[in-house]
């Protein structure tokens, strides 16, 4: 198998976790907005779906990644995480940023309103997802300093990611402006794939006895 063929596993990831969502947002029948708002929406949704793709690009995906160089897969997994987490973290700021160019509610007031509106289920879910994402990022960066066995950390990382995906997906479906019936079902379906990978690895895979090592 040559080096080029080893990259074939990236094709379904690129198509289903990035191309389909972004193309649907562009060509779908949604109310038009300013270019800035659309760019920020595309960046946020793209980062979210790539985050969903992290389950695909990890050791728990033994179906399509069998025989691949896992060190390269894990490296790509880390790079995507380091890029996507800041984008998703800045998501609330992206919502209010265009207000700097509009005659509407002050951006700072709008941002504070988002963070303190506890009567909205969608916003509460978003805040919980944000907290989980920060915890994922911190524990990933400080992994070698928290004196935890790698296998234990890896399990914790997987379940924190699972909790984030569940809450973030619920938040996106509840508040996302592009979440019509098709996009909502597609988002839930792609999230469910990650759940299947995880459940298969930790609960139903009797062959998952091999030693796990650090990259």
Protein backbone atom coordinates (compact mmCIF):
# COMPACT_ATOMS: atom_id res chain seq x y z
CA UNK A 1 0.00 0.00 0.00
CA UNK A 2 1.57 3.32 -1.02
CA UNK A 3 1.49 6.54 0.99
CA UNK A 4 -1.21 8.04 -1.20
CA UNK A 5 -3.62 5.14 -0.67
CA UNK A 6 -3.22 5.46 3.09
CA UNK A 7 -4.99 8.81 2.91
CA UNK A 8 -8.17 7.35 1.43
CA UNK A 9 -9.78 7.17 4.86
CA UNK A 10 -9.89 10.99 4.85
CA UNK A 11 -12.30 11.06 1.90
CA UNK A 12 -15.48 10.01 3.76
CA UNK A 13 -14.49 12.22 6.69
CA UNK A 14 -14.09 15.23 4.42
CA UNK A 15 -17.31 14.57 2.55
CA UNK A 16 -19.72 13.70 5.35
CA UNK A 17 -18.28 15.78 8.18
CA UNK A 18 -17.46 18.92 6.24
CA UNK A 19 -18.58 19.10 2.60
CA UNK A 20 -22.20 18.00 3.03
CA UNK A 21 -23.02 20.39 5.94
CA UNK A 22 -21.32 23.39 4.36
CA UNK A 23 -22.75 22.83 0.89
CA UNK A 24 -26.24 22.42 2.33
CA UNK A 25 -25.87 25.68 4.26
CA UNK A 26 -24.81 27.47 1.08
CA UNK A 27 -27.41 26.08 -1.33
CA UNK A 28 -30.26 25.54 1.16
CA UNK A 29 -33.35 27.73 1.22
CA UNK A 30 -32.43 29.95 4.16
CA UNK A 31 -33.00 33.70 4.63
CA UNK A 32 -30.06 35.66 3.27
CA UNK A 33 -27.81 37.54 5.67
CA UNK A 34 -24.65 39.60 5.48
CA UNK A 35 -21.47 38.00 4.15
CA UNK A 36 -19.82 38.32 7.58
CA UNK A 37 -22.64 36.47 9.32
CA UNK A 38 -22.60 33.70 6.74
CA UNK A 39 -18.83 33.27 6.98
CA UNK A 40 -19.00 33.06 10.77
CA UNK A 41 -21.86 30.55 10.56
CA UNK A 42 -19.93 28.40 8.09
CA UNK A 43 -16.83 28.49 10.29
CA UNK A 44 -18.80 27.53 13.40
CA UNK A 45 -20.82 24.74 11.79
CA UNK A 46 -17.73 23.45 9.99
CA UNK A 47 -15.80 23.31 13.27
CA UNK A 48 -18.70 21.55 14.99
CA UNK A 49 -18.97 18.85 12.33
CA UNK A 50 -15.22 18.36 12.25
CA UNK A 51 -15.45 17.89 16.01
CA UNK A 52 -18.02 15.18 15.36
CA UNK A 53 -15.49 13.67 12.96
CA UNK A 54 -13.03 13.31 15.83
CA UNK A 55 -14.74 10.04 16.73
CA UNK A 56 -14.00 8.85 13.20
CA UNK A 57 -10.37 9.99 13.44
CA UNK A 58 -9.47 8.14 16.62
CA UNK A 59 -8.49 4.69 17.84
CA UNK A 60 -12.09 3.79 18.62
CA UNK A 61 -12.76 3.63 14.88
CA UNK A 62 -11.35 0.20 14.18
CA UNK A 63 -13.70 -0.31 11.24
CA UNK A 64 -12.38 2.05 8.55
CA UNK A 65 -8.99 2.83 10.08
CA UNK A 66 -7.82 -0.77 10.37
CA UNK A 67 -4.25 -1.08 9.11
CA UNK A 68 -3.62 2.67 9.13
CA UNK A 69 -0.67 4.40 10.77
CA UNK A 70 -2.36 5.41 14.04
CA UNK A 71 0.37 7.87 14.97
CA UNK A 72 -0.54 9.97 11.90
CA UNK A 73 -4.27 9.59 12.59
CA UNK A 74 -3.82 10.71 16.20
CA UNK A 75 -1.68 13.65 15.08
CA UNK A 76 -4.42 14.78 12.69
CA UNK A 77 -6.98 14.23 15.46
CA UNK A 78 -5.02 16.59 17.72
CA UNK A 79 -4.58 19.25 15.04
CA UNK A 80 -8.30 19.31 14.26
CA UNK A 81 -9.10 19.51 17.96
CA UNK A 82 -6.73 22.43 18.52
CA UNK A 83 -8.27 24.29 15.57
CA UNK A 84 -11.94 23.50 16.22
CA UNK A 85 -12.08 24.06 19.98
CA UNK A 86 -11.13 27.79 19.77
CA UNK A 87 -13.64 28.34 16.94
CA UNK A 88 -16.47 26.71 18.88
CA UNK A 89 -15.38 28.50 22.04
CA UNK A 90 -15.67 31.83 20.19
CA UNK A 91 -19.11 30.91 18.88
CA UNK A 92 -21.01 33.27 21.27
CA UNK A 93 -18.68 36.10 20.27
CA UNK A 94 -19.26 35.33 16.58
CA UNK A 95 -22.98 35.81 17.18
CA UNK A 96 -22.56 39.36 18.49
CA UNK A 97 -19.55 40.41 16.37
CA UNK A 98 -21.68 41.59 13.38
CA UNK A 99 -23.54 43.95 15.73
CA UNK A 100 -20.46 46.18 15.72
CA UNK A 101 -21.44 47.02 12.15
CA UNK A 102 -25.17 47.32 12.73
CA UNK A 103 -27.38 49.85 14.49
CA UNK A 104 -28.81 47.44 17.04
CA UNK A 105 -28.24 46.21 20.58
CA UNK A 106 -24.75 46.96 21.91
CA UNK A 107 -22.49 43.94 21.23
CA UNK A 108 -21.26 43.76 24.83
CA UNK A 109 -24.83 43.85 26.14
CA UNK A 110 -25.84 41.21 23.60
CA UNK A 111 -22.95 38.97 24.60
CA UNK A 112 -23.77 39.33 28.30
CA UNK A 113 -27.43 38.63 27.56
CA UNK A 114 -26.43 35.34 25.93
CA UNK A 115 -24.36 34.30 28.95
CA UNK A 116 -27.03 35.20 31.50
CA UNK A 117 -30.22 34.04 29.82
CA UNK A 118 -31.10 30.99 31.90
CA UNK A 119 -34.73 30.72 30.83
CA UNK A 120 -33.71 29.32 27.44
CA UNK A 121 -33.06 25.58 27.25
CA UNK A 122 -30.92 26.04 24.16
CA UNK A 123 -28.65 28.62 25.79
CA UNK A 124 -28.26 26.53 28.95
CA UNK A 125 -27.27 23.55 26.80
CA UNK A 126 -24.78 25.77 24.98
CA UNK A 127 -23.19 26.89 28.26
CA UNK A 128 -22.93 23.29 29.46
CA UNK A 129 -21.36 22.29 26.14
CA UNK A 130 -18.91 25.17 26.47
CA UNK A 131 -17.87 24.04 29.96
CA UNK A 132 -17.39 20.46 28.75
CA UNK A 133 -15.34 21.63 25.78
CA UNK A 134 -13.07 23.71 28.02
CA UNK A 135 -12.59 20.67 30.27
CA UNK A 136 -11.74 18.53 27.23
CA UNK A 137 -9.19 21.09 26.04
CA UNK A 138 -7.54 21.56 29.44
CA UNK A 139 -7.25 17.84 30.19
CA UNK A 140 -5.84 17.22 26.70
CA UNK A 141 -3.20 19.95 26.99
CA UNK A 142 -2.26 19.03 30.58
CA UNK A 143 -2.52 15.27 30.09
CA UNK A 144 1.07 14.57 31.07
CA UNK A 145 0.85 16.78 34.16
CA UNK A 146 -2.22 15.32 35.82
CA UNK A 147 -0.46 12.05 36.78
CA UNK A 148 -3.11 9.79 35.32
CA UNK A 149 -2.55 6.53 33.49
CA UNK A 150 -2.88 7.02 29.76
CA UNK A 151 -5.61 4.40 29.40
CA UNK A 152 -7.61 6.06 32.20
CA UNK A 153 -7.16 9.49 30.66
CA UNK A 154 -8.14 8.16 27.24
CA UNK A 155 -11.37 6.72 28.62
CA UNK A 156 -12.15 9.98 30.45
CA UNK A 157 -11.40 11.97 27.27
CA UNK A 158 -13.72 9.75 25.24
CA UNK A 159 -16.65 10.10 27.63
CA UNK A 160 -16.16 13.85 28.09
CA UNK A 161 -16.25 14.12 24.30
CA UNK A 162 -19.37 11.98 24.20
CA UNK A 163 -21.09 14.22 26.76
CA UNK A 164 -20.05 17.31 24.79
CA UNK A 165 -21.35 15.92 21.51
CA UNK A 166 -24.68 14.97 23.06
CA UNK A 167 -25.23 18.38 24.67
CA UNK A 168 -23.79 20.39 21.76
CA UNK A 169 -25.92 18.51 19.23
CA UNK A 170 -29.04 19.16 21.30
CA UNK A 171 -28.04 22.84 21.52
CA UNK A 172 -27.43 23.08 17.77
CA UNK A 173 -30.71 21.40 16.84
CA UNK A 174 -32.63 23.56 19.32
CA UNK A 175 -31.18 26.95 18.33
CA UNK A 176 -29.43 26.53 14.97
CA UNK A 177 -30.91 28.79 12.30
CA UNK A 178 -30.09 26.24 9.60
CA UNK A 179 -31.68 23.36 11.47
CA UNK A 180 -34.58 22.40 9.26
CA UNK A 181 -35.83 18.79 9.29
CA UNK A 182 -33.11 17.44 6.99
CA UNK A 183 -30.21 19.22 8.68
CA UNK A 184 -31.44 18.32 12.18
CA UNK A 185 -31.74 14.66 11.26
CA UNK A 186 -28.37 14.71 9.52
CA UNK A 187 -26.69 16.29 12.55
CA UNK A 188 -28.22 13.74 14.91
CA UNK A 189 -27.25 10.89 12.57
CA UNK A 190 -23.61 12.00 12.31
CA UNK A 191 -23.45 12.45 16.09
CA UNK A 192 -24.87 8.95 16.54
CA UNK A 193 -22.02 7.47 14.49
CA UNK A 194 -19.59 8.69 17.14
CA UNK A 195 -21.74 7.14 19.87
CA UNK A 196 -21.74 3.82 18.00
CA UNK A 197 -17.94 3.85 17.68
CA UNK A 198 -17.59 4.61 21.38
CA UNK A 199 -20.12 2.04 22.59
CA UNK A 200 -18.60 -0.60 20.32
CA UNK A 201 -15.13 0.04 21.72
CA UNK A 202 -15.89 0.22 25.42
CA UNK A 203 -18.88 -2.09 25.82
CA UNK A 204 -19.21 -4.52 22.92
CA UNK A 205 -15.72 -5.11 21.59
CA UNK A 206 -14.28 -8.16 23.32
CA UNK A 207 -11.15 -7.86 21.21
CA UNK A 208 -10.28 -4.48 22.68
CA UNK A 209 -7.68 -6.01 25.00
CA UNK A 210 -4.59 -4.82 23.20
CA UNK A 211 -2.23 -2.54 24.99
CA UNK A 212 -2.73 1.16 24.50
CA UNK A 213 0.40 3.31 24.20
CA UNK A 214 1.05 7.01 24.04
CA UNK A 215 1.80 8.72 20.78
